[in-house]
Amino acid sequence: MPNCTIKMDKDKKIALVAHDNKKRDLLEWAKFNRDLLAHHDVYATGTTGALLEKELGFPIKKLQSGPLGGDQQIGAKIVENEIDFLIFFWDPLEPQPHDPDVKALLRMAVVWNIPMACDRATADFIISSPLMDSTYERQVPDYEAIRRRKLNI
């Protein structure tokens, strides 16, 4: 399958999401990494965004709450190349009423080959990577070529 390249700028577009039982963990992580996050564009769902903005003291692009469509909004932004990477502290031990939305969001992150952290250790490794402060060209399948092939164009 042919690939194409999507350029990620030096200043990344980062989505921060957390289930209720993980919000405190995400807030602590974000406070610890405040200076690293401050020069990036930060997006967040619902309550998480309001809490982050209050704690961090810089603007957060706030979307809907996850169960009200926020997860879907972030997934759409991934598809449109408006999100470069996802930090989603999800709770694997608590059932979520919007679990299909969560799975769809995680799927979009993989389909579009964006870095994703679902726990604090992985988020620490990603945020401290030298790639965070430089441009990066990520490879994704050339989905347009796939669509043309299916239409026999």
Protein backbone atom coordinates (compact mmCIF):
# COMPACT_ATOMS: atom_id res chain seq x y z
CA MET A 1 0.00 0.00 0.00
CA PRO A 2 1.47 3.39 -0.94
CA ASN A 3 2.12 5.93 1.81
CA CYS A 4 1.95 9.68 2.00
CA THR A 5 3.54 12.07 4.47
CA ILE A 6 1.78 14.45 6.84
CA LYS A 7 3.96 17.16 8.33
CA MET A 8 3.62 17.96 12.03
CA ASP A 9 4.85 21.47 12.87
CA LYS A 10 7.20 22.30 15.71
CA ASP A 11 4.25 23.49 17.78
CA LYS A 12 1.96 20.49 18.05
CA LYS A 13 -1.81 20.28 18.31
CA ILE A 14 -2.40 18.11 21.37
CA ALA A 15 -5.70 16.61 22.53
CA LEU A 16 -6.05 15.86 26.25
CA VAL A 17 -8.90 13.61 27.35
CA ALA A 18 -9.60 11.86 30.64
CA HIS A 19 -12.37 9.73 32.04
CA ASP A 20 -13.77 10.90 35.38
CA ASN A 21 -11.63 8.55 37.49
CA LYS A 22 -8.50 9.69 35.59
CA LYS A 23 -9.02 13.48 35.57
CA ARG A 24 -6.88 14.01 38.67
CA ASP A 25 -4.04 12.00 37.08
CA LEU A 26 -4.24 14.04 33.88
CA LEU A 27 -4.34 17.33 35.80
CA GLU A 28 -1.26 16.36 37.81
CA TRP A 29 0.54 15.29 34.66
CA ALA A 30 -0.40 18.50 32.83
CA LYS A 31 0.68 20.68 35.78
CA PHE A 32 4.02 18.88 35.92
CA ASN A 33 4.44 19.42 32.15
CA ARG A 34 2.87 22.88 32.02
CA ASP A 35 5.89 24.64 30.49
CA LEU A 36 6.21 21.98 27.79
CA LEU A 37 2.50 22.18 26.95
CA ALA A 38 2.26 25.99 27.02
CA HIS A 39 3.68 26.61 23.54
CA HIS A 40 1.51 23.97 21.87
CA ASP A 41 -2.17 24.20 20.90
CA VAL A 42 -4.06 22.20 23.51
CA TYR A 43 -7.56 20.79 22.92
CA ALA A 44 -9.66 19.01 25.52
CA THR A 45 -13.12 17.59 25.99
CA GLY A 46 -15.74 19.11 28.30
CA THR A 47 -14.99 19.29 31.98
CA THR A 48 -11.38 18.24 31.42
CA GLY A 49 -10.79 21.37 29.32
CA ALA A 50 -12.26 23.70 31.94
CA LEU A 51 -10.20 22.08 34.71
CA LEU A 52 -7.01 22.24 32.65
CA GLU A 53 -7.51 25.88 31.71
CA LYS A 54 -8.03 26.83 35.36
CA GLU A 55 -4.99 24.84 36.55
CA LEU A 56 -2.57 25.70 33.75
CA GLY A 57 -3.44 29.36 33.25
CA PHE A 58 -3.42 29.35 29.46
CA PRO A 59 -6.25 28.92 26.92
CA ILE A 60 -7.49 25.43 26.12
CA LYS A 61 -9.63 24.81 23.04
CA LYS A 62 -12.61 23.19 24.73
CA LEU A 63 -14.92 20.78 22.94
CA GLN A 64 -18.04 18.95 24.08
CA SER A 65 -17.96 16.45 26.91
CA GLY A 66 -16.96 12.98 25.71
CA PRO A 67 -20.42 11.40 26.10
CA LEU A 68 -21.97 14.41 24.33
CA GLY A 69 -19.79 14.09 21.24
CA GLY A 70 -16.40 15.42 22.34
CA ASP A 71 -14.62 12.14 21.57
CA GLN A 72 -16.15 12.24 18.10
CA GLN A 73 -15.08 15.87 17.65
CA ILE A 74 -11.48 14.97 18.46
CA GLY A 75 -11.65 11.99 16.11
CA ALA A 76 -12.88 14.27 13.31
CA LYS A 77 -10.04 16.71 14.04
CA ILE A 78 -7.56 13.84 13.75
CA VAL A 79 -8.98 12.97 10.32
CA GLU A 80 -8.75 16.64 9.25
CA ASN A 81 -5.12 16.88 10.49
CA GLU A 82 -6.10 19.32 13.24
CA ILE A 83 -4.75 17.09 16.03
CA ASP A 84 -1.15 15.83 16.02
CA PHE A 85 -1.30 13.60 19.04
CA LEU A 86 -3.64 12.30 21.68
CA ILE A 87 -3.21 11.87 25.40
CA PHE A 88 -6.23 9.97 26.67
CA PHE A 89 -6.15 8.77 30.25
CA TRP A 90 -8.99 6.29 30.06
CA ASP A 91 -10.23 4.09 32.83
CA PRO A 92 -9.97 0.41 31.85
CA LEU A 93 -11.71 -0.73 35.06
CA GLU A 94 -14.88 1.35 34.78
CA PRO A 95 -17.60 0.74 32.17
CA GLN A 96 -18.30 3.82 30.05
CA PRO A 97 -21.71 4.51 28.50
CA HIS A 98 -19.99 6.03 25.46
CA ASP A 99 -17.52 3.15 24.99
CA PRO A 100 -18.17 2.92 21.20
CA ASP A 101 -17.13 6.58 20.89
CA VAL A 102 -13.97 5.91 22.89
CA LYS A 103 -13.07 2.95 20.65
CA ALA A 104 -13.74 5.05 17.54
CA LEU A 105 -11.42 7.79 18.82
CA LEU A 106 -8.63 5.33 19.58
CA ARG A 107 -9.15 3.76 16.16
CA MET A 108 -8.79 7.13 14.39
CA ALA A 109 -5.51 7.77 16.22
CA VAL A 110 -4.15 4.48 14.89
CA VAL A 111 -5.61 4.85 11.38
CA TRP A 112 -3.96 8.28 11.02
CA ASN A 113 -0.74 7.20 12.78
CA ILE A 114 -0.69 9.88 15.45
CA PRO A 115 1.19 9.32 18.71
CA MET A 116 -1.14 8.30 21.50
CA ALA A 117 -0.64 7.86 25.23
CA CYS A 118 -3.23 6.15 27.40
CA ASP A 119 -1.26 6.27 30.64
CA ARG A 120 1.09 8.61 32.46
CA ALA A 121 4.31 6.71 31.72
CA THR A 122 3.71 6.75 27.97
CA ALA A 123 2.67 10.41 28.11
CA ASP A 124 5.93 11.19 29.93
CA PHE A 125 7.97 9.47 27.24
CA ILE A 126 6.12 11.25 24.42
CA ILE A 127 6.21 14.76 25.91
CA SER A 128 9.92 14.47 26.71
CA SER A 129 10.87 13.19 23.24
CA PRO A 130 13.13 15.51 21.22
CA LEU A 131 10.58 15.10 18.40
CA MET A 132 8.11 17.20 20.41
CA ASP A 133 10.04 20.38 19.67
CA SER A 134 10.80 19.80 16.02
CA THR A 135 8.91 19.20 12.82
CA TYR A 136 8.08 15.60 12.09
CA GLU A 137 6.81 13.81 9.00
CA ARG A 138 4.53 10.94 9.86
CA GLN A 139 3.70 8.28 7.33
CA VAL A 140 0.11 7.26 6.67
CA PRO A 141 -1.38 5.04 4.01
CA ASP A 142 -2.39 6.98 0.90
CA TYR A 143 -6.10 6.65 1.51
CA GLU A 144 -6.93 8.65 -1.63
CA ALA A 145 -5.15 6.04 -3.75
CA ILE A 146 -7.10 3.33 -1.95
CA ARG A 147 -10.40 5.14 -2.63
CA ARG A 148 -9.53 5.59 -6.33
CA ARG A 149 -8.61 1.90 -6.61
CA LYS A 150 -11.93 0.83 -5.09
CA LEU A 151 -13.78 3.03 -7.57
CA ASN A 152 -11.62 1.67 -10.43
CA ILE A 153 -10.65 5.21 -11.45
